[in-house]
Protein backbone atom coordinates (compact mmCIF):
# COMPACT_ATOMS: atom_id res chain seq x y z
CA UNK A 1 -25.84 -49.23 32.92
CA UNK A 2 -24.15 -52.40 34.19
CA UNK A 3 -25.64 -55.74 33.07
CA UNK A 4 -26.21 -58.58 35.47
CA UNK A 5 -25.08 -62.20 34.92
CA UNK A 6 -27.40 -64.55 33.07
CA UNK A 7 -28.95 -67.82 34.25
CA UNK A 8 -26.16 -69.93 32.86
CA UNK A 9 -23.30 -67.81 34.38
CA UNK A 10 -22.34 -66.02 31.17
CA UNK A 11 -21.73 -62.32 31.33
CA UNK A 12 -23.60 -60.34 28.67
CA UNK A 13 -21.80 -57.78 26.52
CA UNK A 14 -21.82 -54.25 27.90
CA UNK A 15 -23.17 -51.86 25.31
CA UNK A 16 -20.91 -49.04 26.44
CA UNK A 17 -17.83 -51.07 25.52
CA UNK A 18 -18.95 -51.29 21.84
CA UNK A 19 -17.37 -48.02 20.73
CA UNK A 20 -18.47 -47.34 17.17
CA UNK A 21 -17.14 -44.56 14.88
CA UNK A 22 -18.25 -41.03 15.55
CA UNK A 23 -19.88 -38.59 13.06
CA UNK A 24 -16.46 -37.42 11.89
CA UNK A 25 -15.46 -40.88 10.68
CA UNK A 26 -18.03 -40.83 7.86
CA UNK A 27 -16.76 -39.20 4.65
CA UNK A 28 -19.89 -37.58 3.22
CA UNK A 29 -19.55 -35.45 0.07
CA UNK A 30 -19.55 -31.69 0.48
CA UNK A 31 -22.65 -29.62 -0.22
CA UNK A 32 -20.73 -26.39 -0.79
CA UNK A 33 -19.34 -25.38 -4.14
CA UNK A 34 -19.18 -27.18 -7.46
CA UNK A 35 -16.31 -29.61 -6.95
CA UNK A 36 -17.32 -33.05 -5.51
CA UNK A 37 -20.83 -31.81 -4.63
CA UNK A 38 -23.41 -34.23 -3.25
CA UNK A 39 -25.75 -34.91 -6.19
CA UNK A 40 -28.61 -35.81 -3.84
CA UNK A 41 -28.68 -32.24 -2.50
CA UNK A 42 -29.82 -29.04 -4.06
CA UNK A 43 -26.85 -26.95 -5.09
CA UNK A 44 -27.00 -23.34 -4.15
CA UNK A 45 -25.24 -20.61 -6.23
CA UNK A 46 -21.64 -20.00 -5.25
CA UNK A 47 -19.93 -16.64 -5.59
CA UNK A 48 -16.08 -16.30 -5.48
CA UNK A 49 -14.11 -13.37 -4.37
CA UNK A 50 -12.60 -11.34 -7.21
CA UNK A 51 -9.01 -10.17 -7.38
CA UNK A 52 -7.92 -6.68 -6.50
CA UNK A 53 -7.57 -4.46 -9.51
CA UNK A 54 -4.47 -2.42 -10.00
CA UNK A 55 -4.48 1.47 -10.07
CA UNK A 56 -3.85 1.44 -13.79
CA UNK A 57 -7.32 -0.06 -14.43
CA UNK A 58 -9.14 2.69 -12.48
CA UNK A 59 -7.21 5.96 -12.51
CA UNK A 60 -3.71 7.34 -12.42
CA UNK A 61 -2.92 8.59 -8.88
CA UNK A 62 -0.21 11.21 -8.88
CA UNK A 63 -0.91 13.22 -5.71
CA UNK A 64 -0.12 12.17 -2.11
CA UNK A 65 -2.84 11.14 0.31
CA UNK A 66 -3.91 12.81 3.51
CA UNK A 67 -0.75 11.56 5.34
CA UNK A 68 1.39 13.99 3.37
CA UNK A 69 3.15 16.23 5.85
CA UNK A 70 5.51 19.16 5.32
CA UNK A 71 7.96 20.02 8.00
CA UNK A 72 7.35 23.43 9.58
CA UNK A 73 10.91 24.60 9.14
CA UNK A 74 10.55 24.53 5.35
CA UNK A 75 8.94 27.48 3.62
CA UNK A 76 8.46 28.43 0.00
CA UNK A 77 11.89 30.07 0.18
CA UNK A 78 13.60 27.00 1.68
CA UNK A 79 14.73 26.28 5.19
CA UNK A 80 14.14 28.88 7.83
CA UNK A 81 17.77 28.77 9.04
CA UNK A 82 17.18 27.85 12.62
CA UNK A 83 20.32 26.35 14.17
CA UNK A 84 20.12 22.56 14.97
CA UNK A 85 21.93 20.86 17.80
CA UNK A 86 22.66 17.18 18.23
CA UNK A 87 24.06 15.02 21.06
CA UNK A 88 27.52 13.65 20.33
CA UNK A 89 28.39 10.02 21.09
CA UNK A 90 30.81 8.92 23.88
CA UNK A 91 34.50 9.34 22.93
CA UNK A 92 36.50 6.13 22.54
CA UNK A 93 39.13 7.28 25.03
CA UNK A 94 37.44 7.93 28.44
CA UNK A 95 40.45 10.03 29.61
CA UNK A 96 40.02 12.45 26.76
CA UNK A 97 38.95 15.98 27.89
CA UNK A 98 39.07 14.88 31.49
CA UNK A 99 40.01 17.76 33.81
CA UNK A 100 41.39 17.03 37.29
CA UNK A 101 39.24 17.81 40.32
CA UNK A 102 40.30 19.82 43.45
CA UNK A 103 41.32 16.55 45.21
CA UNK A 104 43.84 15.64 42.51
CA UNK A 105 46.24 18.47 43.44
CA UNK A 106 48.91 17.72 46.16
CA UNK A 107 50.62 21.05 46.91
CA UNK A 108 52.25 19.58 50.02
CA UNK A 109 54.42 17.37 47.82
CA UNK A 110 55.76 20.29 45.74
CA UNK A 111 59.33 21.31 46.41
CA UNK A 112 59.70 24.89 47.76
CA UNK A 113 61.01 27.24 45.18
CA UNK A 114 64.59 28.42 45.64
CA UNK A 115 65.72 25.46 47.75
CA UNK A 116 68.24 22.86 46.58
CA UNK A 117 67.11 19.26 46.00
CA UNK A 118 68.67 16.40 47.85
CA UNK A 119 70.62 13.88 45.74
CA UNK A 120 68.61 10.98 44.47
CA UNK A 121 69.96 7.65 43.49
CA UNK A 122 68.40 4.87 41.56
CA UNK A 123 69.49 1.31 40.65
CA UNK A 124 69.90 0.69 36.99
CA UNK A 125 69.02 -2.63 35.36
CA UNK A 126 71.50 -5.32 34.45
CA UNK A 127 73.69 -4.53 31.44
CA UNK A 128 72.48 -6.37 28.38
CA UNK A 129 75.96 -7.01 26.93
CA UNK A 130 77.60 -7.99 30.15
CA UNK A 131 80.51 -10.50 29.87
CA UNK A 132 79.88 -13.79 31.53
CA UNK A 133 82.21 -14.46 34.48
CA UNK A 134 84.21 -17.70 34.01
CA UNK A 135 85.68 -17.74 37.53
CA UNK A 136 84.26 -20.40 39.92
CA UNK A 137 82.92 -19.44 43.28
CA UNK A 138 84.46 -20.40 46.63
CA UNK A 139 82.28 -23.41 47.13
CA UNK A 140 83.15 -24.75 43.66
CA UNK A 141 86.61 -26.03 44.69
CA UNK A 142 86.96 -29.68 45.67
CA UNK A 143 89.88 -29.78 48.16
CA UNK A 144 91.20 -33.24 49.07
CA UNK A 145 90.91 -34.55 52.62
CA UNK A 146 93.95 -34.02 54.94
CA UNK A 147 93.06 -36.95 57.21
CA UNK A 148 94.84 -40.24 56.66
CA UNK A 149 97.67 -41.19 54.29
CA UNK A 150 95.81 -40.74 50.96
CA UNK A 151 97.37 -37.38 50.09
CA UNK A 152 100.88 -38.04 48.69
CA UNK A 153 102.11 -34.38 48.74
CA UNK A 154 100.70 -33.34 52.16
CA UNK A 155 101.85 -34.15 55.62
CA UNK A 156 99.17 -36.46 57.13
CA UNK A 157 98.31 -36.31 60.80
CA UNK A 158 97.86 -39.30 62.95
CA UNK A 159 94.54 -41.09 62.41
CA UNK A 160 92.90 -43.55 64.78
CA UNK A 161 90.19 -46.13 64.24
CA UNK A 162 87.93 -48.01 66.69
CA UNK A 163 87.94 -51.70 66.50
CA UNK A 164 85.16 -54.01 67.56
CA UNK A 165 84.86 -55.65 71.02
CA UNK A 166 86.88 -58.83 71.47
CA UNK A 167 85.29 -61.89 73.01
CA UNK A 168 88.63 -63.11 74.35
CA UNK A 169 90.58 -60.99 76.81
CA UNK A 170 87.71 -58.57 77.44
CA UNK A 171 86.69 -57.23 80.78
CA UNK A 172 83.37 -59.11 80.62
CA UNK A 173 84.94 -62.49 79.69
CA UNK A 174 83.76 -65.36 81.94
CA UNK A 175 86.89 -67.28 82.65
CA UNK A 176 85.37 -69.64 85.26
CA UNK A 177 82.42 -70.66 83.01
CA UNK A 178 80.15 -71.17 86.05
CA UNK A 179 76.33 -71.15 85.71
CA UNK A 180 74.28 -68.50 87.31
CA UNK A 181 71.58 -68.76 89.98
CA UNK A 182 68.79 -68.85 87.33
CA UNK A 183 70.32 -71.87 85.60
CA UNK A 184 69.37 -74.21 88.48
CA UNK A 185 65.83 -75.66 88.30
CA UNK A 186 63.50 -75.20 91.37
CA UNK A 187 62.41 -78.43 92.99
CA UNK A 188 58.71 -78.84 93.84
CA UNK A 189 58.31 -78.54 97.71
CA UNK A 190 55.68 -81.30 97.66
CA UNK A 191 58.42 -83.79 96.95
CA UNK A 192 60.26 -83.33 100.23
CA UNK A 193 57.46 -81.81 102.34
CA UNK A 194 53.84 -82.57 103.12
CA UNK A 195 51.66 -82.19 100.09
CA UNK A 196 49.15 -79.34 100.41
CA UNK A 197 45.50 -79.95 99.48
CA UNK A 198 44.61 -79.16 95.86
CA UNK A 199 41.17 -78.31 94.53
CA UNK A 200 39.64 -78.56 91.04
CA UNK A 201 36.53 -77.01 89.46
CA UNK A 202 33.83 -79.41 88.25
CA UNK A 203 31.66 -78.82 85.20
CA UNK A 204 28.16 -77.35 85.47
CA UNK A 205 25.42 -79.71 86.61
CA UNK A 206 21.74 -79.56 85.49
CA UNK A 207 18.59 -80.70 87.16
CA UNK A 208 17.14 -83.90 85.68
CA UNK A 209 14.20 -83.18 83.43
CA UNK A 210 12.70 -83.43 79.91
CA UNK A 211 15.23 -82.19 77.40
CA UNK A 212 13.06 -82.60 74.29
CA UNK A 213 12.33 -79.57 72.12
CA UNK A 214 8.94 -77.95 72.68
CA UNK A 215 7.19 -75.85 69.94
CA UNK A 216 6.70 -72.14 70.63
CA UNK A 217 3.55 -70.01 70.09
CA UNK A 218 4.61 -69.21 66.53
CA UNK A 219 4.81 -72.90 65.54
CA UNK A 220 1.04 -73.40 65.80
CA UNK A 221 -1.08 -72.74 62.70
CA UNK A 222 -4.78 -72.94 63.68
CA UNK A 223 -5.87 -71.48 60.33
CA UNK A 224 -4.83 -74.66 58.41
CA UNK A 225 -6.76 -77.02 60.73
CA UNK A 226 -9.69 -78.55 58.81
CA UNK A 227 -10.93 -81.27 61.19
CA UNK A 228 -14.36 -79.69 61.49
CA UNK A 229 -14.35 -78.19 57.95
CA UNK A 230 -14.38 -79.65 54.43
CA UNK A 231 -11.27 -77.65 53.48
CA UNK A 232 -9.20 -74.80 54.73
CA UNK A 233 -10.46 -71.32 53.84
CA UNK A 234 -8.91 -69.93 50.64
CA UNK A 235 -8.70 -66.25 49.69
CA UNK A 236 -8.06 -64.76 46.25
CA UNK A 237 -7.76 -61.23 44.82
CA UNK A 238 -10.75 -60.19 42.78
CA UNK A 239 -10.43 -58.50 39.41
CA UNK A 240 -10.57 -54.89 38.64
CA UNK A 241 -14.07 -53.31 38.94
CA UNK A 242 -15.78 -52.32 35.72
CA UNK A 243 -15.77 -48.62 34.97
CA UNK A 244 -19.52 -48.80 34.10
CA UNK A 245 -20.71 -49.81 37.56
CA UNK A 246 -22.71 -47.11 39.29
CA UNK A 247 -20.70 -45.71 42.25
CA UNK A 248 -21.99 -46.00 45.82
CA UNK A 249 -23.97 -42.88 46.62
CA UNK A 250 -24.90 -42.23 50.29
CA UNK A 251 -27.51 -39.68 51.17
CA UNK A 252 -26.21 -36.86 53.33
CA UNK A 253 -28.30 -36.04 56.41
C-alpha cells in the first residue's frame, strides 16, 4: 500500500521497503537428537540405525543362492560333446582369400597358342656408373667476332660506320639566313583603316531596395516570450515511479 505525503511535505517511510530477516535467518537450537538440543523443549527418545552384521555372526553360508545356474551342455559325465562354432574376425590383409569374379578375366587379351610373338622393346633406365662427358656442347664455344680489325690472325672485311648529321655543308643548311613569313609581326588593321565599333559587357545591375538581413521562420522563438507570464514554462523529467504504487486497472466492458 502506497503512503501519501504528510501535511509538511515529508514522505513517510514505506513499510514494504523495510525488509527484515526471514524465518531462516534465526539460528534456533535443534529439537531432534541429543546434541545441542533445545533445553526448553521436551526431548523425545531417539533411535539410531544399527550396523549390518557380517555372515560370521549369524551362520556360515556355503551353498549358492537361487541364481545358481548349470549350463545344459554339462551332465554328470561332463560335456555332451556338441560341436561349437564361432565367427572369426576380419583378416588384416583384405586381399587374402579373395577370388576373382567373372569380370576380372580378359580372354581377348590372351595370345593365341601356337603363334609367334612380335618383338617388344623397352627403354632401360640410365646407367648408374656412367662416365661424365667432359666435352663441351656446340653452344659452349665463344668464337671471336670477324667484323672490324680486332682479330689479329684473321682477314677483316671492310667495316663502315654512320656519322652524325653536320650542321655546316648539309642539304638543309640555310646559307641566306633570311627570316620566314611567320617571323614578321602582323599590324593591327585599325591603325591604317577605320576603327570598327567595339563592345564590352557590363556587370549585373540590381533593383534598388532594402538589403538588410531579414529573420526567417526558424529564427522566432515564441515559447521563450514571457511578456504576459511571470516566467517561461519549464519542464523537467520526473523520477522513477515506486514499485509499490497500485497499477491502473480499467474495467473491461
